[in-house]
Amino acid sequence: MNLNGRMKKLQTAIVKAGLIIKVNSNQFFSADQKRMITSYRICTPIEYYSAKKEEWKTMDYEILRTCSMPEVIFCLLDIYKAVTAWN
């Protein structure tokens, strides 16, 4: 199985365990390496109280930002182990 498939399976397992995890990706061109590079961002939505507007709001809390797919998979694996330990 490729790394993309492993990442999606881990994300699905974490969501089924009760924690919402989003994996975002975007690309940019590196002039030094003369190629496109994909960066990944792992986030989870959190609720916070906005004192300015005096209401509860939802925002994405960034857990990890990296350009390494194996690093994303290891982070998701750590999150999965923690979430399953809760249950």
C-alpha atoms as a PDB file:
ATOM      1  CA  MET A   1       0.000   0.000   0.000  1.00  0.00           C
ATOM      2  CA  ASN A   2       1.286   3.460  -0.812  1.00  0.00           C
ATOM      3  CA  LEU A   3       1.780   6.252   1.731  1.00  0.00           C
ATOM      4  CA  ASN A   4      -1.357   8.121   0.627  1.00  0.00           C
ATOM      5  CA  GLY A   5      -3.482   5.043   1.322  1.00  0.00           C
ATOM      6  CA  ARG A   6      -1.936   4.547   4.756  1.00  0.00           C
ATOM      7  CA  MET A   7      -2.549   8.194   5.603  1.00  0.00           C
ATOM      8  CA  LYS A   8      -6.228   7.945   4.627  1.00  0.00           C
ATOM      9  CA  LYS A   9      -6.737   4.691   6.548  1.00  0.00           C
ATOM     10  CA  LEU A  10      -5.207   6.181   9.695  1.00  0.00           C
ATOM     11  CA  GLN A  11      -7.331   9.311   9.330  1.00  0.00           C
ATOM     12  CA  THR A  12     -10.478   7.187   8.957  1.00  0.00           C
ATOM     13  CA  ALA A  13      -9.564   5.090  12.013  1.00  0.00           C
ATOM     14  CA  ILE A  14      -9.018   8.237  14.109  1.00  0.00           C
ATOM     15  CA  VAL A  15     -12.363   9.699  13.027  1.00  0.00           C
ATOM     16  CA  LYS A  16     -14.118   6.410  13.871  1.00  0.00           C
ATOM     17  CA  ALA A  17     -12.460   6.503  17.300  1.00  0.00           C
ATOM     18  CA  GLY A  18     -14.101   9.881  17.955  1.00  0.00           C
ATOM     19  CA  LEU A  19     -11.593  12.621  17.066  1.00  0.00           C
ATOM     20  CA  ILE A  20     -12.037  14.757  13.963  1.00  0.00           C
ATOM     21  CA  ILE A  21      -8.747  15.129  12.093  1.00  0.00           C
ATOM     22  CA  LYS A  22      -8.251  17.055   8.857  1.00  0.00           C
ATOM     23  CA  VAL A  23      -5.261  16.563   6.586  1.00  0.00           C
ATOM     24  CA  ASN A  24      -4.766  19.456   4.188  1.00  0.00           C
ATOM     25  CA  SER A  25      -2.188  19.570   1.431  1.00  0.00           C
ATOM     26  CA  ASN A  26      -0.970  22.282  -0.891  1.00  0.00           C
ATOM     27  CA  GLN A  27       1.827  22.627  -3.391  1.00  0.00           C
ATOM     28  CA  PHE A  28       4.407  25.283  -4.068  1.00  0.00           C
ATOM     29  CA  PHE A  29       7.312  25.620  -6.469  1.00  0.00           C
ATOM     30  CA  SER A  30      10.813  25.489  -5.003  1.00  0.00           C
ATOM     31  CA  ALA A  31      13.246  27.548  -7.048  1.00  0.00           C
ATOM     32  CA  ASP A  32      16.207  25.917  -5.257  1.00  0.00           C
ATOM     33  CA  GLN A  33      15.119  22.378  -6.118  1.00  0.00           C
ATOM     34  CA  LYS A  34      13.375  23.368  -9.371  1.00  0.00           C
ATOM     35  CA  ARG A  35      10.296  21.242  -8.646  1.00  0.00           C
ATOM     36  CA  MET A  36       6.868  21.271  -7.029  1.00  0.00           C
ATOM     37  CA  ILE A  37       6.805  20.436  -3.309  1.00  0.00           C
ATOM     38  CA  THR A  38       3.728  19.248  -1.419  1.00  0.00           C
ATOM     39  CA  SER A  39       3.231  20.454   2.140  1.00  0.00           C
ATOM     40  CA  TYR A  40       0.829  18.815   4.591  1.00  0.00           C
ATOM     41  CA  ARG A  41      -1.082  20.236   7.545  1.00  0.00           C
ATOM     42  CA  ILE A  42      -2.850  18.194  10.243  1.00  0.00           C
ATOM     43  CA  CYS A  43      -5.625  20.086  12.062  1.00  0.00           C
ATOM     44  CA  THR A  44      -8.506  19.441  14.417  1.00  0.00           C
ATOM     45  CA  PRO A  45     -11.450  21.778  15.058  1.00  0.00           C
ATOM     46  CA  ILE A  46     -11.669  23.337  18.526  1.00  0.00           C
ATOM     47  CA  GLU A  47     -14.216  25.548  20.256  1.00  0.00           C
ATOM     48  CA  TYR A  48     -13.035  28.798  21.847  1.00  0.00           C
ATOM     49  CA  TYR A  49     -14.729  31.758  23.465  1.00  0.00           C
ATOM     50  CA  SER A  50     -14.302  35.060  21.646  1.00  0.00           C
ATOM     51  CA  ALA A  51     -14.377  37.793  24.281  1.00  0.00           C
ATOM     52  CA  LYS A  52     -14.561  40.424  21.561  1.00  0.00           C
ATOM     53  CA  LYS A  53     -17.813  39.057  20.077  1.00  0.00           C
ATOM     54  CA  GLU A  54     -18.910  37.357  23.313  1.00  0.00           C
ATOM     55  CA  GLU A  55     -19.710  34.031  21.658  1.00  0.00           C
ATOM     56  CA  TRP A  56     -18.253  30.572  21.123  1.00  0.00           C
ATOM     57  CA  LYS A  57     -16.481  30.012  17.806  1.00  0.00           C
ATOM     58  CA  THR A  58     -14.874  27.092  16.004  1.00  0.00           C
ATOM     59  CA  MET A  59     -11.346  27.265  14.626  1.00  0.00           C
ATOM     60  CA  ASP A  60      -8.788  24.767  13.335  1.00  0.00           C
ATOM     61  CA  TYR A  61      -5.964  23.949  15.726  1.00  0.00           C
ATOM     62  CA  GLU A  62      -2.820  23.057  13.790  1.00  0.00           C
ATOM     63  CA  ILE A  63      -1.103  19.943  15.109  1.00  0.00           C
ATOM     64  CA  LEU A  64       1.611  19.567  12.468  1.00  0.00           C
ATOM     65  CA  ARG A  65       2.855  21.291   9.305  1.00  0.00           C
ATOM     66  CA  THR A  66       5.467  19.475   7.259  1.00  0.00           C
ATOM     67  CA  CYS A  67       6.558  18.536   3.750  1.00  0.00           C
ATOM     68  CA  SER A  68       7.307  14.929   4.710  1.00  0.00           C
ATOM     69  CA  MET A  69       4.615  12.287   4.133  1.00  0.00           C
ATOM     70  CA  PRO A  70       6.261   9.741   6.503  1.00  0.00           C
ATOM     71  CA  GLU A  71       6.256  12.385   9.243  1.00  0.00           C
ATOM     72  CA  VAL A  72       2.503  12.873   8.691  1.00  0.00           C
ATOM     73  CA  ILE A  73       1.913   9.121   8.952  1.00  0.00           C
ATOM     74  CA  PHE A  74       3.924   8.817  12.177  1.00  0.00           C
ATOM     75  CA  CYS A  75       2.038  11.764  13.677  1.00  0.00           C
ATOM     76  CA  LEU A  76      -1.310  10.208  12.732  1.00  0.00           C
ATOM     77  CA  LEU A  77      -0.140   6.898  14.218  1.00  0.00           C
ATOM     78  CA  ASP A  78       0.712   8.630  17.514  1.00  0.00           C
ATOM     79  CA  ILE A  79      -2.696  10.337  17.514  1.00  0.00           C
ATOM     80  CA  TYR A  80      -4.413   7.010  16.819  1.00  0.00           C
ATOM     81  CA  LYS A  81      -2.589   5.318  19.700  1.00  0.00           C
ATOM     82  CA  ALA A  82      -3.579   8.164  22.050  1.00  0.00           C
ATOM     83  CA  VAL A  83      -7.218   8.170  20.953  1.00  0.00           C
ATOM     84  CA  THR A  84      -7.594   4.401  21.325  1.00  0.00           C
ATOM     85  CA  ALA A  85      -5.999   4.607  24.794  1.00  0.00           C
ATOM     86  CA  TRP A  86      -8.804   7.043  25.823  1.00  0.00           C
ATOM     87  CA  ASN A  87     -11.467   4.519  24.858  1.00  0.00           C
END
